Amino acid sequence: MTFSNAIHSLSAIVLAGGKSSRMGEDKALLPIQGVPLLKRVCDVASSLCNLVYIVTPTPEKYQHLSLNNCQFVREVPLSQENLSTPTSTKVTLPLPHGPLVGFAQGLAVVQTDWVLLLACDLPKLQIEVLQNWVEELENVPEDAIAALPRQDKGWDPLCGFYRRSCLPVLNAFITQGGRSFQAWLVQHPVRVLSLPNAEMLFNCNTPEDLALVDDTR
């Protein structure tokens, strides 16, 4: 599979549902060298894929950005009944769920066999590396649900590729209460992607991180 052929059978999901608590403000909108971080990531994704799905509970916050080939998917909180209240006054409470559930909700609308998943806080993505990874997809065993880079801490689940066909097992894991990418991935075959430069996986989570990547501040 050449890159030019693969781009027609690949879409992307960008997750922008975090609370940015360590940053203190919405990191998706923070400018890196004058470009909002979410737009930087989406521009990279759209250079590789025909369609990019942005999964967020608040799409209205980002609709003013100039985002090419992007479509919003509103992230919906999971819920449970509050069993501590009397039956007559039971209320439904939202459950904190994290990126795994956001990914599942995005994956439900994907039409391509493979999807590139990216967090919105990756300012150092390298298109050339991602292109090489796309070309590696044809060598991924059929039983593997994903192709991801791996470091000492484990898989890097928010910068890699997943098969759309993994959605049923993902939903089953979530229904059973699972919320951890690492706990889910360890249950299934995953192809390791070569990682020539771990710097591209740098996450911008804090003001200190931001200072390292934006020399205009």
C-alpha atoms as a PDB file:
ATOM      1  CA  MET A   1       0.000   0.000   0.000  1.00  0.00           C
ATOM      2  CA  THR A   2       1.579   3.279  -1.066  1.00  0.00           C
ATOM      3  CA  PHE A   3       0.831   6.455   0.846  1.00  0.00           C
ATOM      4  CA  SER A   4      -1.092   7.946  -2.089  1.00  0.00           C
ATOM      5  CA  ASN A   5      -3.385   4.916  -2.165  1.00  0.00           C
ATOM      6  CA  ALA A   6      -3.727   4.654   1.599  1.00  0.00           C
ATOM      7  CA  ILE A   7      -4.966   8.219   2.053  1.00  0.00           C
ATOM      8  CA  HIS A   8      -8.224   7.293   0.326  1.00  0.00           C
ATOM      9  CA  SER A   9      -8.926   4.526   2.847  1.00  0.00           C
ATOM     10  CA  LEU A  10      -7.955   6.425   5.987  1.00  0.00           C
ATOM     11  CA  SER A  11      -9.753   8.915   8.206  1.00  0.00           C
ATOM     12  CA  ALA A  12      -8.707  10.545  11.470  1.00  0.00           C
ATOM     13  CA  ILE A  13     -10.142  11.236  14.909  1.00  0.00           C
ATOM     14  CA  VAL A  14      -8.797  14.144  16.954  1.00  0.00           C
ATOM     15  CA  LEU A  15      -9.805  14.140  20.620  1.00  0.00           C
ATOM     16  CA  ALA A  16     -10.503  17.564  22.119  1.00  0.00           C
ATOM     17  CA  GLY A  17     -12.532  16.640  25.171  1.00  0.00           C
ATOM     18  CA  GLY A  18     -10.052  17.112  28.003  1.00  0.00           C
ATOM     19  CA  LYS A  19     -10.540  19.636  30.803  1.00  0.00           C
ATOM     20  CA  SER A  20      -7.020  21.106  30.471  1.00  0.00           C
ATOM     21  CA  SER A  21      -6.848  21.295  34.277  1.00  0.00           C
ATOM     22  CA  ARG A  22      -3.046  21.306  34.393  1.00  0.00           C
ATOM     23  CA  MET A  23      -2.819  24.020  31.744  1.00  0.00           C
ATOM     24  CA  GLY A  24      -5.374  26.261  33.425  1.00  0.00           C
ATOM     25  CA  GLU A  25      -7.062  27.174  30.130  1.00  0.00           C
ATOM     26  CA  ASP A  26      -8.299  25.340  27.059  1.00  0.00           C
ATOM     27  CA  LYS A  27      -5.087  24.035  25.524  1.00  0.00           C
ATOM     28  CA  ALA A  28      -6.825  23.251  22.223  1.00  0.00           C
ATOM     29  CA  LEU A  29      -7.089  27.007  21.613  1.00  0.00           C
ATOM     30  CA  LEU A  30      -3.594  27.946  22.767  1.00  0.00           C
ATOM     31  CA  PRO A  31      -1.547  29.412  19.898  1.00  0.00           C
ATOM     32  CA  ILE A  32       1.717  27.672  19.071  1.00  0.00           C
ATOM     33  CA  GLN A  33       3.716  30.046  16.870  1.00  0.00           C
ATOM     34  CA  GLY A  34       0.448  31.813  16.150  1.00  0.00           C
ATOM     35  CA  VAL A  35      -1.627  28.731  15.275  1.00  0.00           C
ATOM     36  CA  PRO A  36      -4.162  27.231  17.748  1.00  0.00           C
ATOM     37  CA  LEU A  37      -2.996  23.822  18.894  1.00  0.00           C
ATOM     38  CA  LEU A  38      -6.152  22.054  17.730  1.00  0.00           C
ATOM     39  CA  LYS A  39      -5.772  23.548  14.261  1.00  0.00           C
ATOM     40  CA  ARG A  40      -2.116  22.478  14.087  1.00  0.00           C
ATOM     41  CA  VAL A  41      -3.052  18.868  14.829  1.00  0.00           C
ATOM     42  CA  CYS A  42      -6.063  18.907  12.493  1.00  0.00           C
ATOM     43  CA  ASP A  43      -3.979  20.352   9.670  1.00  0.00           C
ATOM     44  CA  VAL A  44      -1.518  17.475  10.027  1.00  0.00           C
ATOM     45  CA  ALA A  45      -4.366  14.959  10.104  1.00  0.00           C
ATOM     46  CA  SER A  46      -6.080  16.457   7.051  1.00  0.00           C
ATOM     47  CA  SER A  47      -2.836  16.232   5.085  1.00  0.00           C
ATOM     48  CA  LEU A  48      -2.944  12.463   5.639  1.00  0.00           C
ATOM     49  CA  CYS A  49      -6.683  11.740   5.558  1.00  0.00           C
ATOM     50  CA  ASN A  50      -9.706  12.741   3.517  1.00  0.00           C
ATOM     51  CA  LEU A  51     -11.851  13.370   6.597  1.00  0.00           C
ATOM     52  CA  VAL A  52     -11.033  14.348  10.175  1.00  0.00           C
ATOM     53  CA  TYR A  53     -13.532  13.874  13.012  1.00  0.00           C
ATOM     54  CA  ILE A  54     -13.061  16.200  15.985  1.00  0.00           C
ATOM     55  CA  VAL A  55     -14.588  14.588  19.070  1.00  0.00           C
ATOM     56  CA  THR A  56     -15.472  17.146  21.740  1.00  0.00           C
ATOM     57  CA  PRO A  57     -18.341  17.870  24.136  1.00  0.00           C
ATOM     58  CA  THR A  58     -18.200  21.538  23.088  1.00  0.00           C
ATOM     59  CA  PRO A  59     -17.866  21.872  19.292  1.00  0.00           C
ATOM     60  CA  GLU A  60     -19.169  25.436  19.461  1.00  0.00           C
ATOM     61  CA  LYS A  61     -15.867  26.482  21.070  1.00  0.00           C
ATOM     62  CA  TYR A  62     -13.908  25.509  17.963  1.00  0.00           C
ATOM     63  CA  GLN A  63     -16.235  26.225  15.057  1.00  0.00           C
ATOM     64  CA  HIS A  64     -14.583  29.599  14.440  1.00  0.00           C
ATOM     65  CA  LEU A  65     -11.278  27.925  13.576  1.00  0.00           C
ATOM     66  CA  SER A  66     -10.425  27.441   9.922  1.00  0.00           C
ATOM     67  CA  LEU A  67     -10.423  23.635   9.849  1.00  0.00           C
ATOM     68  CA  ASN A  68     -10.173  21.876   6.502  1.00  0.00           C
ATOM     69  CA  ASN A  69     -11.954  18.568   5.845  1.00  0.00           C
ATOM     70  CA  CYS A  70     -13.084  18.401   9.474  1.00  0.00           C
ATOM     71  CA  GLN A  71     -16.381  17.319  10.986  1.00  0.00           C
ATOM     72  CA  PHE A  72     -17.386  17.657  14.621  1.00  0.00           C
ATOM     73  CA  VAL A  73     -18.700  14.730  16.672  1.00  0.00           C
ATOM     74  CA  ARG A  74     -20.309  15.881  19.905  1.00  0.00           C
ATOM     75  CA  GLU A  75     -19.025  13.785  22.784  1.00  0.00           C
ATOM     76  CA  VAL A  76     -21.885  12.672  25.036  1.00  0.00           C
ATOM     77  CA  PRO A  77     -21.252  11.850  28.713  1.00  0.00           C
ATOM     78  CA  LEU A  78     -22.131   8.380  29.879  1.00  0.00           C
ATOM     79  CA  SER A  79     -24.637   8.308  32.698  1.00  0.00           C
ATOM     80  CA  GLN A  80     -25.909   6.215  35.564  1.00  0.00           C
ATOM     81  CA  GLU A  81     -28.819   6.405  37.963  1.00  0.00           C
ATOM     82  CA  ASN A  82     -27.992   7.786  41.386  1.00  0.00           C
ATOM     83  CA  LEU A  83     -29.048   4.827  43.502  1.00  0.00           C
ATOM     84  CA  SER A  84     -28.549   6.725  46.763  1.00  0.00           C
ATOM     85  CA  THR A  85     -31.638   8.842  46.194  1.00  0.00           C
ATOM     86  CA  PRO A  86     -35.231   7.753  46.872  1.00  0.00           C
ATOM     87  CA  THR A  87     -36.936   5.990  43.979  1.00  0.00           C
ATOM     88  CA  SER A  88     -39.305   8.891  43.411  1.00  0.00           C
ATOM     89  CA  THR A  89     -36.425  11.355  43.011  1.00  0.00           C
ATOM     90  CA  LYS A  90     -33.823   9.290  41.152  1.00  0.00           C
ATOM     91  CA  VAL A  91     -31.589  11.390  38.944  1.00  0.00           C
ATOM     92  CA  THR A  92     -29.250  10.487  36.134  1.00  0.00           C
ATOM     93  CA  LEU A  93     -25.676  11.547  36.768  1.00  0.00           C
ATOM     94  CA  PRO A  94     -22.945  12.039  34.154  1.00  0.00           C
ATOM     95  CA  LEU A  95     -19.946   9.781  34.554  1.00  0.00           C
ATOM     96  CA  PRO A  96     -16.383  10.964  33.981  1.00  0.00           C
ATOM     97  CA  HIS A  97     -15.103   8.774  31.199  1.00  0.00           C
ATOM     98  CA  GLY A  98     -11.898  10.066  29.623  1.00  0.00           C
ATOM     99  CA  PRO A  99     -10.502   9.670  26.109  1.00  0.00           C
ATOM    100  CA  LEU A 100     -11.350   5.994  25.581  1.00  0.00           C
ATOM    101  CA  VAL A 101     -15.080   6.695  25.510  1.00  0.00           C
ATOM    102  CA  GLY A 102     -14.581   9.752  23.313  1.00  0.00           C
ATOM    103  CA  PHE A 103     -12.646   7.587  20.890  1.00  0.00           C
ATOM    104  CA  ALA A 104     -15.430   4.978  20.828  1.00  0.00           C
ATOM    105  CA  GLN A 105     -18.020   7.660  20.071  1.00  0.00           C
ATOM    106  CA  GLY A 106     -15.893   8.968  17.225  1.00  0.00           C
ATOM    107  CA  LEU A 107     -15.153   5.504  15.896  1.00  0.00           C
ATOM    108  CA  ALA A 108     -18.896   4.841  15.623  1.00  0.00           C
ATOM    109  CA  VAL A 109     -19.144   7.288  12.700  1.00  0.00           C
ATOM    110  CA  VAL A 110     -15.935   6.302  10.901  1.00  0.00           C
ATOM    111  CA  GLN A 111     -16.428   4.705   7.469  1.00  0.00           C
ATOM    112  CA  THR A 112     -12.839   3.709   6.601  1.00  0.00           C
ATOM    113  CA  ASP A 113     -11.131   0.460   7.607  1.00  0.00           C
ATOM    114  CA  TRP A 114      -8.355   2.308   9.438  1.00  0.00           C
ATOM    115  CA  VAL A 115      -8.488   5.499  11.502  1.00  0.00           C
ATOM    116  CA  LEU A 116      -5.644   7.666  12.756  1.00  0.00           C
ATOM    117  CA  LEU A 117      -6.247   8.716  16.369  1.00  0.00           C
ATOM    118  CA  LEU A 118      -4.562  11.881  17.651  1.00  0.00           C
ATOM    119  CA  ALA A 119      -4.815  13.885  20.849  1.00  0.00           C
ATOM    120  CA  CYS A 120      -5.249  17.619  20.327  1.00  0.00           C
ATOM    121  CA  ASP A 121      -2.130  18.435  22.382  1.00  0.00           C
ATOM    122  CA  LEU A 122       0.625  17.080  20.120  1.00  0.00           C
ATOM    123  CA  PRO A 123       2.527  20.134  18.832  1.00  0.00           C
ATOM    124  CA  LYS A 124       5.526  18.227  17.474  1.00  0.00           C
ATOM    125  CA  LEU A 125       3.867  15.781  15.086  1.00  0.00           C
ATOM    126  CA  GLN A 126       6.026  14.890  12.085  1.00  0.00           C
ATOM    127  CA  ILE A 127       4.144  14.299   8.856  1.00  0.00           C
ATOM    128  CA  GLU A 128       6.969  12.221   7.375  1.00  0.00           C
ATOM    129  CA  VAL A 129       6.841   9.747  10.290  1.00  0.00           C
ATOM    130  CA  LEU A 130       3.066   9.485  10.059  1.00  0.00           C
ATOM    131  CA  GLN A 131       3.303   8.869   6.313  1.00  0.00           C
ATOM    132  CA  ASN A 132       5.771   6.042   6.929  1.00  0.00           C
ATOM    133  CA  TRP A 133       3.395   4.583   9.488  1.00  0.00           C
ATOM    134  CA  VAL A 134       0.561   4.668   6.959  1.00  0.00           C
ATOM    135  CA  GLU A 135       2.679   2.598   4.591  1.00  0.00           C
ATOM    136  CA  GLU A 136       3.349   0.096   7.395  1.00  0.00           C
ATOM    137  CA  LEU A 137      -0.377  -0.619   7.775  1.00  0.00           C
ATOM    138  CA  GLU A 138      -0.387  -3.144   4.945  1.00  0.00           C
ATOM    139  CA  ASN A 139       1.961  -5.319   7.034  1.00  0.00           C
ATOM    140  CA  VAL A 140      -0.211  -5.316  10.147  1.00  0.00           C
ATOM    141  CA  PRO A 141      -1.499  -8.841  10.939  1.00  0.00           C
ATOM    142  CA  GLU A 142      -5.226  -9.262  10.405  1.00  0.00           C
ATOM    143  CA  ASP A 143      -5.849 -10.105  14.063  1.00  0.00           C
ATOM    144  CA  ALA A 144      -4.230  -6.876  15.310  1.00  0.00           C
ATOM    145  CA  ILE A 145      -6.741  -4.223  16.354  1.00  0.00           C
ATOM    146  CA  ALA A 146      -4.230  -1.375  16.219  1.00  0.00           C
ATOM    147  CA  ALA A 147      -0.771  -0.215  15.155  1.00  0.00           C
ATOM    148  CA  LEU A 148       0.855   2.050  17.738  1.00  0.00           C
ATOM    149  CA  PRO A 149       4.203   3.344  18.932  1.00  0.00           C
ATOM    150  CA  ARG A 150       5.403   1.930  22.233  1.00  0.00           C
ATOM    151  CA  GLN A 151       7.705   3.374  24.867  1.00  0.00           C
ATOM    152  CA  ASP A 152       8.910   2.181  28.265  1.00  0.00           C
ATOM    153  CA  LYS A 153       5.689   3.334  29.951  1.00  0.00           C
ATOM    154  CA  GLY A 154       3.575   1.292  27.519  1.00  0.00           C
ATOM    155  CA  TRP A 155       1.569   2.049  24.409  1.00  0.00           C
ATOM    156  CA  ASP A 156       1.117   5.602  23.153  1.00  0.00           C
ATOM    157  CA  PRO A 157      -2.582   5.171  22.328  1.00  0.00           C
ATOM    158  CA  LEU A 158      -3.326   8.759  21.291  1.00  0.00           C
ATOM    159  CA  CYS A 159      -0.981   8.837  18.303  1.00  0.00           C
ATOM    160  CA  GLY A 160      -1.550   5.780  16.160  1.00  0.00           C
ATOM    161  CA  PHE A 161      -3.908   3.722  14.046  1.00  0.00           C
ATOM    162  CA  TYR A 162      -6.923   1.553  14.869  1.00  0.00           C
ATOM    163  CA  ARG A 163      -9.070  -0.763  12.829  1.00  0.00           C
ATOM    164  CA  ARG A 164     -12.710   0.288  12.659  1.00  0.00           C
ATOM    165  CA  SER A 165     -13.582  -3.365  13.286  1.00  0.00           C
ATOM    166  CA  CYS A 166     -12.328  -3.065  16.881  1.00  0.00           C
ATOM    167  CA  LEU A 167     -15.434  -1.067  17.880  1.00  0.00           C
ATOM    168  CA  PRO A 168     -17.497  -4.038  19.191  1.00  0.00           C
ATOM    169  CA  VAL A 169     -14.759  -5.222  21.565  1.00  0.00           C
ATOM    170  CA  LEU A 170     -14.103  -1.629  22.598  1.00  0.00           C
ATOM    171  CA  ASN A 171     -17.763  -1.036  23.412  1.00  0.00           C
ATOM    172  CA  ALA A 172     -17.898  -4.292  25.365  1.00  0.00           C
ATOM    173  CA  PHE A 173     -14.881  -3.197  27.417  1.00  0.00           C
ATOM    174  CA  ILE A 174     -16.495   0.181  28.141  1.00  0.00           C
ATOM    175  CA  THR A 175     -19.821  -1.433  29.080  1.00  0.00           C
ATOM    176  CA  GLN A 176     -17.943  -3.538  31.635  1.00  0.00           C
ATOM    177  CA  GLY A 177     -16.573  -0.354  33.203  1.00  0.00           C
ATOM    178  CA  GLY A 178     -13.237  -0.180  31.399  1.00  0.00           C
ATOM    179  CA  ARG A 179     -11.818   3.306  30.873  1.00  0.00           C
ATOM    180  CA  SER A 180      -8.093   2.677  30.350  1.00  0.00           C
ATOM    181  CA  PHE A 181      -6.511   2.425  26.906  1.00  0.00           C
ATOM    182  CA  GLN A 182      -3.624   0.415  28.356  1.00  0.00           C
ATOM    183  CA  ALA A 183      -5.941  -2.087  30.065  1.00  0.00           C
ATOM    184  CA  TRP A 184      -7.928  -2.520  26.867  1.00  0.00           C
ATOM    185  CA  LEU A 185      -4.960  -2.826  24.515  1.00  0.00           C
ATOM    186  CA  VAL A 186      -3.214  -5.458  26.637  1.00  0.00           C
ATOM    187  CA  GLN A 187      -6.146  -7.794  25.900  1.00  0.00           C
ATOM    188  CA  HIS A 188      -5.606  -7.727  22.118  1.00  0.00           C
ATOM    189  CA  PRO A 189      -2.828  -8.055  19.504  1.00  0.00           C
ATOM    190  CA  VAL A 190      -1.280  -4.697  18.617  1.00  0.00           C
ATOM    191  CA  ARG A 191       1.401  -4.020  16.013  1.00  0.00           C
ATOM    192  CA  VAL A 192       4.357  -1.926  17.202  1.00  0.00           C
ATOM    193  CA  LEU A 193       5.189   1.017  14.939  1.00  0.00           C
ATOM    194  CA  SER A 194       8.779   2.130  14.523  1.00  0.00           C
ATOM    195  CA  LEU A 195       9.508   5.395  16.341  1.00  0.00           C
ATOM    196  CA  PRO A 196      12.579   7.204  14.987  1.00  0.00           C
ATOM    197  CA  ASN A 197      12.044  10.228  17.219  1.00  0.00           C
ATOM    198  CA  ALA A 198      10.074  10.057  20.464  1.00  0.00           C
ATOM    199  CA  GLU A 199       9.988  13.868  20.554  1.00  0.00           C
ATOM    200  CA  MET A 200       7.006  13.854  18.189  1.00  0.00           C
ATOM    201  CA  LEU A 201       4.883  12.313  20.962  1.00  0.00           C
ATOM    202  CA  PHE A 202       5.472  15.277  23.294  1.00  0.00           C
ATOM    203  CA  ASN A 203       2.233  16.300  25.033  1.00  0.00           C
ATOM    204  CA  CYS A 204       1.596  19.956  25.818  1.00  0.00           C
ATOM    205  CA  ASN A 205      -0.144  19.705  29.203  1.00  0.00           C
ATOM    206  CA  THR A 206       1.234  22.522  31.361  1.00  0.00           C
ATOM    207  CA  PRO A 207       2.369  26.145  30.975  1.00  0.00           C
ATOM    208  CA  GLU A 208       5.931  24.832  31.271  1.00  0.00           C
ATOM    209  CA  ASP A 209       5.328  22.476  28.345  1.00  0.00           C
ATOM    210  CA  LEU A 210       3.905  25.360  26.348  1.00  0.00           C
ATOM    211  CA  ALA A 211       6.997  27.458  26.975  1.00  0.00           C
ATOM    212  CA  LEU A 212       9.150  24.681  25.549  1.00  0.00           C
ATOM    213  CA  VAL A 213       7.325  24.597  22.215  1.00  0.00           C
ATOM    214  CA  ASP A 214       6.258  28.216  21.675  1.00  0.00           C
ATOM    215  CA  ASP A 215       9.205  30.584  21.519  1.00  0.00           C
ATOM    216  CA  THR A 216       6.924  33.510  20.631  1.00  0.00           C
ATOM    217  CA  ARG A 217       5.690  33.827  24.223  1.00  0.00           C
END
